[in-house]
Amino acid sequence: MELPETFLQLAFVEDLINAHRWVWPLCEVLHFVGLTLLVGIVTVFDLRLLGVAKRMPIAPLRQLLPWAVVGFILCVVTGLVFVTGLWANVAVRPLEALQIDHFLQLKLLFILLAGINLGAFSMSGMSRAVDSVGAGDEAPALAKVIAASSLFLWVGVIYWGRLIPWGL
């Protein structure tokens, strides 16, 4: 099955971007706010799992995780505006961008892998096991591997995301 050339191209988003030039920069700011919430909180959590700030128990950090979800939602919504509004900004159709921009492909792959990594953290039981890691305690080895993978993947998402404009 072949996707239509206008796949993910939304006229109302393009019209909004064309009518109000502030929409694109506002979405960029919101994207970075979301990224800061998401990656900042994930980084603090992962670094604690890796042994940084061992005087802090892990369980209280879990209270920050809903804010990471808010950040992820902001990134998804604004990212969709970027993809669906590409034609209005740089005259590239979304399907074409998905096909030719290897940086966009890599960013999406890293996001997928970060999601799989999060699934592994949850499904392996590590998510609940680390709640019992108190001040001064070491996290289980598997939790450390997952945390290191998470850091690598989210830094990769940022890196590949910054390169997307050069791939179009």
N, C-alpha and C. Protein backbone atom coordinates (compact mmCIF):
# COMPACT_ATOMS: atom_id res chain seq x y z
N MET A 1 0.84 -1.17 0.00
CA MET A 1 0.00 0.00 0.00
C MET A 1 0.89 1.24 0.00
N GLU A 2 0.66 2.10 -0.93
CA GLU A 2 1.45 3.32 -1.04
C GLU A 2 0.69 4.48 -0.40
N LEU A 3 1.41 5.27 0.36
CA LEU A 3 0.79 6.43 1.02
C LEU A 3 0.62 7.56 0.03
N PRO A 4 -0.45 8.34 0.15
CA PRO A 4 -0.64 9.48 -0.76
C PRO A 4 0.43 10.54 -0.51
N GLU A 5 0.73 11.30 -1.56
CA GLU A 5 1.75 12.35 -1.48
C GLU A 5 1.46 13.35 -0.37
N THR A 6 0.20 13.54 -0.08
CA THR A 6 -0.20 14.53 0.93
C THR A 6 -0.34 13.92 2.33
N PHE A 7 0.20 12.71 2.53
CA PHE A 7 0.16 12.05 3.83
C PHE A 7 0.72 12.99 4.90
N LEU A 8 -0.01 13.18 5.97
CA LEU A 8 0.35 14.05 7.09
C LEU A 8 0.39 15.54 6.75
N GLN A 9 -0.01 15.89 5.56
CA GLN A 9 -0.04 17.31 5.19
C GLN A 9 -1.43 17.84 5.54
N LEU A 10 -1.51 18.74 6.50
CA LEU A 10 -2.79 19.26 6.96
C LEU A 10 -2.93 20.72 6.57
N ALA A 11 -3.91 20.99 5.72
CA ALA A 11 -4.11 22.35 5.20
C ALA A 11 -4.37 23.36 6.31
N PHE A 12 -5.14 22.97 7.34
CA PHE A 12 -5.45 23.94 8.39
C PHE A 12 -4.20 24.34 9.18
N VAL A 13 -3.25 23.41 9.33
CA VAL A 13 -1.99 23.75 10.01
C VAL A 13 -1.17 24.68 9.12
N GLU A 14 -1.11 24.36 7.83
CA GLU A 14 -0.38 25.23 6.89
C GLU A 14 -1.00 26.62 6.86
N ASP A 15 -2.32 26.69 6.83
CA ASP A 15 -3.01 27.99 6.81
C ASP A 15 -2.70 28.78 8.09
N LEU A 16 -2.70 28.10 9.21
CA LEU A 16 -2.39 28.76 10.48
C LEU A 16 -0.97 29.32 10.48
N ILE A 17 -0.03 28.53 9.98
CA ILE A 17 1.37 28.97 9.92
C ILE A 17 1.52 30.13 8.94
N ASN A 18 0.85 30.05 7.80
CA ASN A 18 0.93 31.13 6.80
C ASN A 18 0.27 32.42 7.30
N ALA A 19 -0.83 32.29 8.01
CA ALA A 19 -1.57 33.47 8.47
C ALA A 19 -0.90 34.13 9.68
N HIS A 20 -0.23 33.33 10.47
CA HIS A 20 0.38 33.85 11.71
C HIS A 20 1.82 33.35 11.79
N ARG A 21 2.75 34.17 11.39
CA ARG A 21 4.16 33.74 11.34
C ARG A 21 4.74 33.44 12.72
N TRP A 22 4.04 33.82 13.78
CA TRP A 22 4.52 33.56 15.13
C TRP A 22 4.23 32.13 15.58
N VAL A 23 3.39 31.40 14.83
CA VAL A 23 3.00 30.05 15.24
C VAL A 23 4.21 29.11 15.24
N TRP A 24 5.01 29.15 14.17
CA TRP A 24 6.16 28.24 14.07
C TRP A 24 7.16 28.50 15.20
N PRO A 25 7.60 29.75 15.41
CA PRO A 25 8.54 30.00 16.53
C PRO A 25 7.95 29.65 17.90
N LEU A 26 6.65 29.90 18.08
CA LEU A 26 6.02 29.53 19.35
C LEU A 26 6.09 28.01 19.54
N CYS A 27 5.83 27.26 18.48
CA CYS A 27 5.92 25.80 18.57
C CYS A 27 7.34 25.35 18.87
N GLU A 28 8.33 26.06 18.30
CA GLU A 28 9.72 25.72 18.61
C GLU A 28 10.01 25.92 20.10
N VAL A 29 9.55 27.04 20.64
CA VAL A 29 9.75 27.31 22.07
C VAL A 29 9.07 26.23 22.91
N LEU A 30 7.82 25.92 22.58
CA LEU A 30 7.08 24.89 23.33
C LEU A 30 7.74 23.53 23.18
N HIS A 31 8.31 23.24 22.00
CA HIS A 31 9.01 21.98 21.78
C HIS A 31 10.21 21.89 22.72
N PHE A 32 10.95 22.98 22.83
CA PHE A 32 12.12 22.98 23.71
C PHE A 32 11.74 22.95 25.19
N VAL A 33 10.64 23.58 25.55
CA VAL A 33 10.15 23.48 26.93
C VAL A 33 9.79 22.02 27.23
N GLY A 34 9.08 21.39 26.31
CA GLY A 34 8.73 19.99 26.49
C GLY A 34 9.95 19.10 26.57
N LEU A 35 10.92 19.35 25.71
CA LEU A 35 12.15 18.58 25.71
C LEU A 35 12.92 18.77 27.01
N THR A 36 12.93 19.99 27.51
CA THR A 36 13.61 20.28 28.77
C THR A 36 12.95 19.53 29.92
N LEU A 37 11.62 19.56 29.97
CA LEU A 37 10.91 18.82 31.01
C LEU A 37 11.20 17.32 30.90
N LEU A 38 11.02 16.78 29.71
CA LEU A 38 11.18 15.35 29.49
C LEU A 38 12.61 14.89 29.78
N VAL A 39 13.54 15.46 29.04
CA VAL A 39 14.93 14.98 29.14
C VAL A 39 15.56 15.40 30.47
N GLY A 40 15.20 16.56 30.98
CA GLY A 40 15.74 16.99 32.27
C GLY A 40 15.36 16.04 33.39
N ILE A 41 14.09 15.71 33.46
CA ILE A 41 13.61 14.83 34.52
C ILE A 41 14.14 13.41 34.33
N VAL A 42 14.11 12.92 33.09
CA VAL A 42 14.64 11.59 32.82
C VAL A 42 16.13 11.53 33.17
N THR A 43 16.86 12.59 32.87
CA THR A 43 18.30 12.62 33.17
C THR A 43 18.54 12.55 34.68
N VAL A 44 17.80 13.32 35.46
CA VAL A 44 17.95 13.29 36.92
C VAL A 44 17.67 11.88 37.44
N PHE A 45 16.58 11.28 36.97
CA PHE A 45 16.21 9.93 37.40
C PHE A 45 17.29 8.92 37.00
N ASP A 46 17.74 9.00 35.74
CA ASP A 46 18.75 8.05 35.25
C ASP A 46 20.08 8.22 35.98
N LEU A 47 20.48 9.47 36.20
CA LEU A 47 21.75 9.70 36.90
C LEU A 47 21.70 9.14 38.32
N ARG A 48 20.57 9.27 38.99
CA ARG A 48 20.45 8.69 40.33
C ARG A 48 20.56 7.18 40.27
N LEU A 49 19.94 6.57 39.26
CA LEU A 49 20.06 5.12 39.11
C LEU A 49 21.51 4.71 38.87
N LEU A 50 22.25 5.57 38.20
CA LEU A 50 23.66 5.28 37.90
C LEU A 50 24.59 5.58 39.08
N GLY A 51 24.04 6.11 40.17
CA GLY A 51 24.85 6.30 41.37
C GLY A 51 25.18 7.74 41.70
N VAL A 52 24.72 8.69 40.90
CA VAL A 52 24.95 10.10 41.20
C VAL A 52 23.95 10.53 42.29
N ALA A 53 24.39 11.36 43.22
CA ALA A 53 23.54 11.86 44.31
C ALA A 53 22.93 10.70 45.11
N LYS A 54 23.79 9.79 45.52
CA LYS A 54 23.32 8.59 46.21
C LYS A 54 22.66 8.88 47.56
N ARG A 55 22.84 10.08 48.08
CA ARG A 55 22.19 10.40 49.36
C ARG A 55 20.68 10.58 49.19
N MET A 56 20.23 10.65 47.96
CA MET A 56 18.80 10.84 47.69
C MET A 56 18.14 9.49 47.38
N PRO A 57 17.06 9.15 48.08
CA PRO A 57 16.34 7.94 47.70
C PRO A 57 15.66 8.13 46.34
N ILE A 58 15.40 7.05 45.66
CA ILE A 58 14.85 7.12 44.31
C ILE A 58 13.35 7.37 44.31
N ALA A 59 12.63 6.78 45.24
CA ALA A 59 11.16 6.86 45.24
C ALA A 59 10.62 8.29 45.12
N PRO A 60 11.15 9.28 45.83
CA PRO A 60 10.60 10.64 45.69
C PRO A 60 10.77 11.23 44.28
N LEU A 61 11.77 10.77 43.55
CA LEU A 61 11.97 11.27 42.19
C LEU A 61 10.81 10.88 41.28
N ARG A 62 10.13 9.81 41.63
CA ARG A 62 8.99 9.34 40.82
C ARG A 62 7.90 10.42 40.72
N GLN A 63 7.83 11.31 41.72
CA GLN A 63 6.83 12.38 41.70
C GLN A 63 7.06 13.35 40.54
N LEU A 64 8.27 13.39 40.01
CA LEU A 64 8.56 14.27 38.87
C LEU A 64 8.13 13.67 37.54
N LEU A 65 7.95 12.37 37.49
CA LEU A 65 7.69 11.69 36.21
C LEU A 65 6.43 12.17 35.48
N PRO A 66 5.35 12.54 36.16
CA PRO A 66 4.21 13.09 35.41
C PRO A 66 4.58 14.35 34.62
N TRP A 67 5.52 15.14 35.13
CA TRP A 67 5.97 16.32 34.39
C TRP A 67 6.77 15.92 33.16
N ALA A 68 7.46 14.80 33.23
CA ALA A 68 8.16 14.29 32.04
C ALA A 68 7.14 13.89 30.98
N VAL A 69 6.03 13.31 31.41
CA VAL A 69 4.95 12.95 30.47
C VAL A 69 4.37 14.20 29.83
N VAL A 70 4.17 15.26 30.62
CA VAL A 70 3.69 16.53 30.07
C VAL A 70 4.68 17.03 29.01
N GLY A 71 5.96 16.94 29.31
CA GLY A 71 6.98 17.34 28.34
C GLY A 71 6.92 16.52 27.07
N PHE A 72 6.72 15.21 27.21
CA PHE A 72 6.62 14.34 26.03
C PHE A 72 5.41 14.72 25.18
N ILE A 73 4.28 14.97 25.82
CA ILE A 73 3.07 15.37 25.09
C ILE A 73 3.30 16.68 24.34
N LEU A 74 3.93 17.66 25.00
CA LEU A 74 4.26 18.92 24.33
C LEU A 74 5.13 18.67 23.10
N CYS A 75 6.11 17.79 23.24
CA CYS A 75 7.00 17.48 22.11
C CYS A 75 6.25 16.80 20.97
N VAL A 76 5.36 15.88 21.30
CA VAL A 76 4.60 15.18 20.26
C VAL A 76 3.69 16.15 19.51
N VAL A 77 2.97 16.98 20.25
CA VAL A 77 2.03 17.92 19.62
C VAL A 77 2.78 18.91 18.73
N THR A 78 3.83 19.51 19.27
CA THR A 78 4.58 20.49 18.46
C THR A 78 5.34 19.81 17.34
N GLY A 79 5.83 18.60 17.58
CA GLY A 79 6.49 17.86 16.51
C GLY A 79 5.55 17.57 15.36
N LEU A 80 4.30 17.25 15.68
CA LEU A 80 3.30 17.04 14.63
C LEU A 80 3.01 18.33 13.86
N VAL A 81 3.01 19.47 14.56
CA VAL A 81 2.85 20.75 13.86
C VAL A 81 4.01 20.95 12.90
N PHE A 82 5.23 20.63 13.33
CA PHE A 82 6.38 20.79 12.45
C PHE A 82 6.25 19.92 11.20
N VAL A 83 5.88 18.66 11.39
CA VAL A 83 5.79 17.75 10.25
C VAL A 83 4.61 18.09 9.35
N THR A 84 3.45 18.34 9.96
CA THR A 84 2.26 18.61 9.14
C THR A 84 2.28 19.99 8.51
N GLY A 85 3.07 20.90 9.05
CA GLY A 85 3.14 22.25 8.51
C GLY A 85 4.39 22.53 7.71
N LEU A 86 5.13 21.49 7.36
CA LEU A 86 6.38 21.68 6.62
C LEU A 86 6.19 22.45 5.32
N TRP A 87 5.14 22.13 4.58
CA TRP A 87 4.92 22.75 3.28
C TRP A 87 4.82 24.27 3.41
N ALA A 88 4.16 24.73 4.45
CA ALA A 88 4.00 26.17 4.66
C ALA A 88 5.31 26.84 5.03
N ASN A 89 6.21 26.11 5.65
CA ASN A 89 7.45 26.72 6.13
C ASN A 89 8.62 26.54 5.16
N VAL A 90 8.79 25.36 4.62
CA VAL A 90 9.95 25.09 3.76
C VAL A 90 9.59 24.42 2.44
N ALA A 91 8.32 24.37 2.09
CA ALA A 91 7.85 23.79 0.82
C ALA A 91 8.33 22.35 0.61
N VAL A 92 8.28 21.57 1.69
CA VAL A 92 8.58 20.14 1.61
C VAL A 92 7.36 19.41 2.17
N ARG A 93 6.90 18.42 1.45
CA ARG A 93 5.75 17.65 1.92
C ARG A 93 6.20 16.70 3.04
N PRO A 94 5.33 16.48 4.03
CA PRO A 94 5.69 15.61 5.16
C PRO A 94 6.17 14.23 4.74
N LEU A 95 5.48 13.60 3.79
CA LEU A 95 5.89 12.27 3.36
C LEU A 95 7.29 12.31 2.75
N GLU A 96 7.56 13.35 1.97
CA GLU A 96 8.89 13.51 1.38
C GLU A 96 9.94 13.67 2.49
N ALA A 97 9.64 14.47 3.49
CA ALA A 97 10.57 14.66 4.61
C ALA A 97 10.85 13.34 5.31
N LEU A 98 9.80 12.55 5.54
CA LEU A 98 9.98 11.26 6.20
C LEU A 98 10.81 10.30 5.36
N GLN A 99 10.75 10.47 4.03
CA GLN A 99 11.49 9.58 3.14
C GLN A 99 12.94 10.00 2.95
N ILE A 100 13.21 11.31 2.90
CA ILE A 100 14.55 11.77 2.53
C ILE A 100 15.41 12.24 3.70
N ASP A 101 14.79 12.64 4.79
CA ASP A 101 15.56 13.22 5.89
C ASP A 101 16.00 12.11 6.85
N HIS A 102 17.24 11.67 6.66
CA HIS A 102 17.77 10.58 7.50
C HIS A 102 17.88 10.99 8.96
N PHE A 103 18.08 12.28 9.21
CA PHE A 103 18.14 12.76 10.59
C PHE A 103 16.78 12.63 11.28
N LEU A 104 15.72 12.95 10.55
CA LEU A 104 14.36 12.78 11.08
C LEU A 104 14.09 11.30 11.34
N GLN A 105 14.50 10.46 10.40
CA GLN A 105 14.32 9.02 10.57
C GLN A 105 15.06 8.52 11.82
N LEU A 106 16.29 9.00 12.00
CA LEU A 106 17.07 8.58 13.17
C LEU A 106 16.45 9.10 14.47
N LYS A 107 15.96 10.33 14.45
CA LYS A 107 15.30 10.87 15.65
C LYS A 107 14.10 10.00 16.01
N LEU A 108 13.27 9.68 15.02
CA LEU A 108 12.10 8.86 15.29
C LEU A 108 12.49 7.46 15.77
N LEU A 109 13.57 6.91 15.20
CA LEU A 109 14.07 5.60 15.64
C LEU A 109 14.53 5.67 17.10
N PHE A 110 15.26 6.71 17.45
CA PHE A 110 15.74 6.84 18.83
C PHE A 110 14.57 7.03 19.81
N ILE A 111 13.54 7.76 19.40
CA ILE A 111 12.35 7.90 20.25
C ILE A 111 11.69 6.54 20.45
N LEU A 112 11.57 5.76 19.36
CA LEU A 112 11.01 4.42 19.46
C LEU A 112 11.84 3.55 20.40
N LEU A 113 13.16 3.59 20.24
CA LEU A 113 14.05 2.78 21.09
C LEU A 113 13.97 3.23 22.55
N ALA A 114 13.83 4.54 22.79
CA ALA A 114 13.67 5.03 24.16
C ALA A 114 12.36 4.51 24.75
N GLY A 115 11.33 4.44 23.93
CA GLY A 115 10.05 3.88 24.39
C GLY A 115 10.17 2.40 24.72
N ILE A 116 10.89 1.66 23.88
CA ILE A 116 11.12 0.24 24.14
C ILE A 116 11.94 0.07 25.42
N ASN A 117 12.94 0.93 25.59
CA ASN A 117 13.76 0.91 26.80
C ASN A 117 12.91 1.16 28.05
N LEU A 118 12.00 2.13 27.96
CA LEU A 118 11.08 2.40 29.07
C LEU A 118 10.18 1.19 29.33
N GLY A 119 9.73 0.56 28.25
CA GLY A 119 8.93 -0.66 28.39
C GLY A 119 9.71 -1.76 29.09
N ALA A 120 10.99 -1.90 28.75
CA ALA A 120 11.84 -2.90 29.39
C ALA A 120 12.00 -2.59 30.88
N PHE A 121 12.13 -1.31 31.21
CA PHE A 121 12.25 -0.88 32.61
C PHE A 121 11.00 -1.28 33.39
N SER A 122 9.86 -1.10 32.78
CA SER A 122 8.60 -1.42 33.44
C SER A 122 8.34 -2.93 33.47
N MET A 123 8.48 -3.58 32.31
CA MET A 123 8.13 -5.00 32.18
C MET A 123 9.09 -5.90 32.96
N SER A 124 10.34 -5.47 33.13
CA SER A 124 11.32 -6.29 33.85
C SER A 124 11.13 -6.23 35.36
N GLY A 125 10.27 -5.33 35.81
CA GLY A 125 10.06 -5.17 37.24
C GLY A 125 11.01 -4.17 37.88
N MET A 126 11.93 -3.63 37.08
CA MET A 126 12.89 -2.67 37.61
C MET A 126 12.22 -1.39 38.08
N SER A 127 11.13 -1.01 37.43
CA SER A 127 10.43 0.22 37.79
C SER A 127 10.03 0.21 39.26
N ARG A 128 9.52 -0.91 39.73
CA ARG A 128 9.11 -1.02 41.13
C ARG A 128 10.29 -1.39 42.03
N ALA A 129 11.23 -2.15 41.51
CA ALA A 129 12.37 -2.57 42.32
C ALA A 129 13.21 -1.38 42.77
N VAL A 130 13.31 -0.36 41.92
CA VAL A 130 14.16 0.79 42.29
C VAL A 130 13.50 1.67 43.35
N ASP A 131 12.19 1.52 43.55
CA ASP A 131 11.54 2.30 44.61
C ASP A 131 12.09 1.97 45.99
N SER A 132 12.60 0.77 46.14
CA SER A 132 13.15 0.37 47.44
C SER A 132 14.61 0.79 47.61
N VAL A 133 15.19 1.39 46.59
CA VAL A 133 16.57 1.86 46.69
C VAL A 133 16.58 3.13 47.53
N GLY A 134 17.14 3.00 48.71
CA GLY A 134 17.15 4.13 49.64
C GLY A 134 18.38 4.99 49.48
N ALA A 135 18.48 5.97 50.35
CA ALA A 135 19.64 6.87 50.34
C ALA A 135 20.91 6.05 50.59
N GLY A 136 21.89 6.23 49.75
CA GLY A 136 23.16 5.53 49.87
C GLY A 136 23.20 4.17 49.21
N ASP A 137 22.04 3.65 48.79
CA ASP A 137 21.98 2.32 48.18
C ASP A 137 22.28 2.39 46.68
N GLU A 138 22.77 1.27 46.17
CA GLU A 138 23.01 1.12 44.74
C GLU A 138 21.76 0.57 44.06
N ALA A 139 21.50 1.03 42.87
CA ALA A 139 20.41 0.47 42.07
C ALA A 139 20.86 -0.87 41.50
N PRO A 140 19.92 -1.76 41.19
CA PRO A 140 20.28 -3.04 40.56
C PRO A 140 21.02 -2.82 39.23
N ALA A 141 21.86 -3.77 38.88
CA ALA A 141 22.68 -3.65 37.66
C ALA A 141 21.82 -3.45 36.42
N LEU A 142 20.71 -4.18 36.31
CA LEU A 142 19.84 -4.04 35.14
C LEU A 142 19.27 -2.62 35.06
N ALA A 143 18.91 -2.06 36.19
CA ALA A 143 18.39 -0.69 36.21
C ALA A 143 19.46 0.28 35.72
N LYS A 144 20.72 0.03 36.06
CA LYS A 144 21.81 0.89 35.61
C LYS A 144 22.00 0.80 34.09
N VAL A 145 21.91 -0.40 33.56
CA VAL A 145 22.03 -0.58 32.10
C VAL A 145 20.90 0.15 31.39
N ILE A 146 19.70 0.01 31.90
CA ILE A 146 18.55 0.68 31.29
C ILE A 146 18.70 2.20 31.41
N ALA A 147 19.18 2.69 32.54
CA ALA A 147 19.37 4.13 32.74
C ALA A 147 20.44 4.67 31.78
N ALA A 148 21.54 3.95 31.63
CA ALA A 148 22.59 4.39 30.70
C ALA A 148 22.07 4.40 29.27
N SER A 149 21.29 3.39 28.92
CA SER A 149 20.69 3.34 27.58
C SER A 149 19.75 4.51 27.37
N SER A 150 18.97 4.82 28.39
CA SER A 150 18.02 5.93 28.32
C SER A 150 18.76 7.24 28.07
N LEU A 151 19.81 7.49 28.83
CA LEU A 151 20.59 8.73 28.63
C LEU A 151 21.13 8.82 27.22
N PHE A 152 21.71 7.73 26.74
CA PHE A 152 22.25 7.70 25.38
C PHE A 152 21.16 7.99 24.35
N LEU A 153 20.02 7.34 24.50
CA LEU A 153 18.94 7.50 23.52
C LEU A 153 18.37 8.91 23.52
N TRP A 154 18.15 9.51 24.69
CA TRP A 154 17.58 10.85 24.72
C TRP A 154 18.56 11.91 24.24
N VAL A 155 19.84 11.72 24.53
CA VAL A 155 20.84 12.63 23.94
C VAL A 155 20.84 12.47 22.42
N GLY A 156 20.69 11.24 21.95
CA GLY A 156 20.58 11.00 20.51
C GLY A 156 19.37 11.66 19.89
N VAL A 157 18.24 11.62 20.59
CA VAL A 157 17.02 12.30 20.09
C VAL A 157 17.30 13.78 19.91
N ILE A 158 17.95 14.39 20.89
CA ILE A 158 18.27 15.82 20.79
C ILE A 158 19.24 16.07 19.64
N TYR A 159 20.28 15.25 19.55
CA TYR A 159 21.29 15.43 18.50
C TYR A 159 20.67 15.31 17.11
N TRP A 160 19.97 14.23 16.86
CA TRP A 160 19.37 14.03 15.53
C TRP A 160 18.30 15.08 15.25
N GLY A 161 17.58 15.49 16.28
CA GLY A 161 16.57 16.53 16.10
C GLY A 161 17.17 17.86 15.66
N ARG A 162 18.32 18.20 16.20
CA ARG A 162 18.98 19.45 15.81
C ARG A 162 19.47 19.39 14.37
N LEU A 163 19.72 18.21 13.85
CA LEU A 163 20.23 18.07 12.48
C LEU A 163 19.13 17.99 11.42
N ILE A 164 17.89 17.84 11.84
CA ILE A 164 16.78 17.68 10.88
C ILE A 164 16.75 18.77 9.81
N PRO A 165 16.90 20.05 10.13
CA PRO A 165 16.84 21.07 9.06
C PRO A 165 17.89 20.87 7.97
N TRP A 166 19.02 20.26 8.30
CA TRP A 166 20.07 20.04 7.31
C TRP A 166 19.80 18.80 6.46
N GLY A 167 18.80 18.01 6.83
CA GLY A 167 18.48 16.82 6.06
C GLY A 167 17.41 17.05 5.02
N LEU A 168 16.77 18.22 5.05
CA LEU A 168 15.69 18.50 4.10
C LEU A 168 16.22 19.03 2.79
